[in-house]
C-alpha atoms as a PDB file:
ATOM      1  CA  MET A   1     166.871  60.824  66.412  1.00  0.00           C
ATOM      2  CA  LEU A   2     164.945  63.518  64.722  1.00  0.00           C
ATOM      3  CA  TYR A   3     166.231  66.937  63.687  1.00  0.00           C
ATOM      4  CA  ARG A   4     164.239  70.010  64.516  1.00  0.00           C
ATOM      5  CA  GLN A   5     164.697  73.734  64.103  1.00  0.00           C
ATOM      6  CA  ARG A   6     165.437  75.575  67.324  1.00  0.00           C
ATOM      7  CA  PRO A   7     162.491  77.568  68.626  1.00  0.00           C
ATOM      8  CA  ALA A   8     162.627  81.326  68.931  1.00  0.00           C
ATOM      9  CA  LEU A   9     164.455  81.881  65.681  1.00  0.00           C
ATOM     10  CA  THR A  10     163.454  84.703  63.392  1.00  0.00           C
ATOM     11  CA  VAL A  11     163.605  83.305  59.841  1.00  0.00           C
ATOM     12  CA  ARG A  12     163.463  85.646  56.795  1.00  0.00           C
ATOM     13  CA  PRO A  13     163.743  83.999  53.393  1.00  0.00           C
ATOM     14  CA  VAL A  14     165.170  86.236  50.671  1.00  0.00           C
ATOM     15  CA  PRO A  15     164.532  84.184  47.536  1.00  0.00           C
ATOM     16  CA  GLU A  16     165.535  86.936  45.119  1.00  0.00           C
ATOM     17  CA  ALA A  17     169.008  86.852  46.719  1.00  0.00           C
ATOM     18  CA  GLU A  18     168.983  83.011  46.967  1.00  0.00           C
ATOM     19  CA  THR A  19     169.499  83.201  50.701  1.00  0.00           C
ATOM     20  CA  CYS A  20     167.757  82.951  54.038  1.00  0.00           C
ATOM     21  CA  ILE A  21     168.585  85.124  57.028  1.00  0.00           C
ATOM     22  CA  ILE A  22     168.106  83.763  60.513  1.00  0.00           C
ATOM     23  CA  TYR A  23     168.299  85.820  63.694  1.00  0.00           C
ATOM     24  CA  CYS A  24     168.952  84.036  66.958  1.00  0.00           C
ATOM     25  CA  ALA A  25     168.078  86.271  69.908  1.00  0.00           C
ATOM     26  CA  ASP A  26     169.794  83.975  72.440  1.00  0.00           C
ATOM     27  CA  SER A  27     173.219  84.607  70.924  1.00  0.00           C
ATOM     28  CA  PRO A  28     172.388  87.381  69.612  1.00  0.00           C
ATOM     29  CA  ARG A  29     173.582  86.486  66.180  1.00  0.00           C
ATOM     30  CA  LEU A  30     172.612  86.778  62.526  1.00  0.00           C
ATOM     31  CA  TYR A  31     173.138  83.859  60.120  1.00  0.00           C
ATOM     32  CA  THR A  32     172.976  83.861  56.326  1.00  0.00           C
ATOM     33  CA  LEU A  33     172.241  80.526  54.685  1.00  0.00           C
ATOM     34  CA  ASN A  34     172.961  79.714  51.079  1.00  0.00           C
ATOM     35  CA  LEU A  35     170.446  77.710  49.091  1.00  0.00           C
ATOM     36  CA  GLY A  36     171.812  74.334  50.142  1.00  0.00           C
ATOM     37  CA  ALA A  37     171.935  75.118  53.824  1.00  0.00           C
ATOM     38  CA  TRP A  38     168.490  76.725  53.632  1.00  0.00           C
ATOM     39  CA  LEU A  39     167.046  73.596  52.101  1.00  0.00           C
ATOM     40  CA  VAL A  40     168.580  71.398  54.784  1.00  0.00           C
ATOM     41  CA  PHE A  41     167.286  73.794  57.442  1.00  0.00           C
ATOM     42  CA  GLU A  42     163.741  73.582  56.021  1.00  0.00           C
ATOM     43  CA  LEU A  43     163.947  69.782  55.963  1.00  0.00           C
ATOM     44  CA  CYS A  44     164.686  69.719  59.739  1.00  0.00           C
ATOM     45  CA  ARG A  45     161.120  69.432  60.848  1.00  0.00           C
ATOM     46  CA  GLY A  46     161.029  66.099  62.706  1.00  0.00           C
ATOM     47  CA  ARG A  47     163.008  63.966  60.228  1.00  0.00           C
ATOM     48  CA  THR A  48     165.947  61.642  60.690  1.00  0.00           C
ATOM     49  CA  SER A  49     169.273  62.325  59.015  1.00  0.00           C
ATOM     50  CA  GLY A  50     168.504  59.608  56.480  1.00  0.00           C
ATOM     51  CA  GLU A  51     165.124  61.158  55.643  1.00  0.00           C
ATOM     52  CA  ILE A  52     166.711  64.589  55.288  1.00  0.00           C
ATOM     53  CA  THR A  53     169.434  63.237  53.016  1.00  0.00           C
ATOM     54  CA  ALA A  54     166.925  61.369  50.868  1.00  0.00           C
ATOM     55  CA  ALA A  55     164.670  64.412  50.534  1.00  0.00           C
ATOM     56  CA  TYR A  56     167.646  66.661  49.735  1.00  0.00           C
ATOM     57  CA  ALA A  57     168.809  64.275  47.017  1.00  0.00           C
ATOM     58  CA  ALA A  58     165.309  63.991  45.580  1.00  0.00           C
ATOM     59  CA  LEU A  59     165.272  67.771  45.174  1.00  0.00           C
ATOM     60  CA  THR A  60     168.832  68.279  43.894  1.00  0.00           C
ATOM     61  CA  VAL A  61     169.685  65.301  41.696  1.00  0.00           C
ATOM     62  CA  PRO A  62     170.313  66.261  38.933  1.00  0.00           C
ATOM     63  CA  PRO A  63     172.178  68.560  38.564  1.00  0.00           C
ATOM     64  CA  LEU A  64     174.071  67.123  41.551  1.00  0.00           C
ATOM     65  CA  THR A  65     175.098  63.500  41.712  1.00  0.00           C
ATOM     66  CA  VAL A  66     173.726  61.354  44.522  1.00  0.00           C
ATOM     67  CA  GLN A  67     177.138  61.427  46.250  1.00  0.00           C
ATOM     68  CA  GLN A  68     177.334  65.255  46.028  1.00  0.00           C
ATOM     69  CA  ALA A  69     173.784  65.615  47.398  1.00  0.00           C
ATOM     70  CA  GLU A  70     174.505  63.250  50.279  1.00  0.00           C
ATOM     71  CA  GLY A  71     177.749  65.099  51.111  1.00  0.00           C
ATOM     72  CA  GLN A  72     176.010  68.514  50.990  1.00  0.00           C
ATOM     73  CA  ALA A  73     173.160  67.330  53.167  1.00  0.00           C
ATOM     74  CA  ALA A  74     175.564  65.834  55.745  1.00  0.00           C
ATOM     75  CA  GLU A  75     177.732  68.981  55.821  1.00  0.00           C
ATOM     76  CA  GLY A  76     174.620  71.152  56.089  1.00  0.00           C
ATOM     77  CA  LEU A  77     173.407  69.201  59.105  1.00  0.00           C
ATOM     78  CA  ARG A  78     176.814  69.449  60.787  1.00  0.00           C
ATOM     79  CA  GLN A  79     177.046  73.198  60.179  1.00  0.00           C
ATOM     80  CA  LEU A  80     173.489  73.921  61.328  1.00  0.00           C
ATOM     81  CA  GLN A  81     174.119  71.930  64.511  1.00  0.00           C
ATOM     82  CA  ARG A  82     177.400  73.680  65.059  1.00  0.00           C
ATOM     83  CA  ASP A  83     175.636  77.018  64.720  1.00  0.00           C
ATOM     84  CA  ARG A  84     172.861  75.750  67.041  1.00  0.00           C
ATOM     85  CA  LEU A  85     170.107  76.434  64.539  1.00  0.00           C
ATOM     86  CA  ILE A  86     168.874  72.844  64.755  1.00  0.00           C
ATOM     87  CA  TYR A  87     168.953  70.187  67.444  1.00  0.00           C
ATOM     88  CA  GLU A  88     168.523  66.441  67.677  1.00  0.00           C
ATOM     89  CA  HIS A  89     165.317  65.425  69.346  1.00  0.00           C
ATOM     90  CA  VAL A  90     164.723  61.979  70.824  1.00  0.00           C
ATOM     91  CA  PRO A  91     160.999  61.293  70.701  1.00  0.00           C
ATOM     92  CA  ALA A  92     159.364  59.739  73.726  1.00  0.00           C
ATOM     93  CA  ALA A  93     158.618  56.057  73.382  1.00  0.00           C
ATOM     94  CA  THR A  94     155.114  55.534  72.190  1.00  0.00           C
ATOM     95  CA  LYS A  95     152.919  53.143  74.104  1.00  0.00           C
ATOM     96  CA  GLY A  96     151.178  50.678  71.881  1.00  0.00           C
END
């Protein structure tokens, strides 16, 4: 399964505050992501959880350990799914 960002979100990065603000009109609700959650959110563009975790670790180790990076990526995916900012997409089978 691939993770994707939900459509129809208004995303406003605020790098000077080390945060990203996301507005979801469906709810309506406003979310504020810290740097770690923001990175996981940005990595959810058609990647598997393993690919997201590996990319997150590649960008955060060091200063994090591999175990810390993997834990943060997994928790970020869980929280973003819980908040319905991302979803799991099952790609259609490709005909070869």
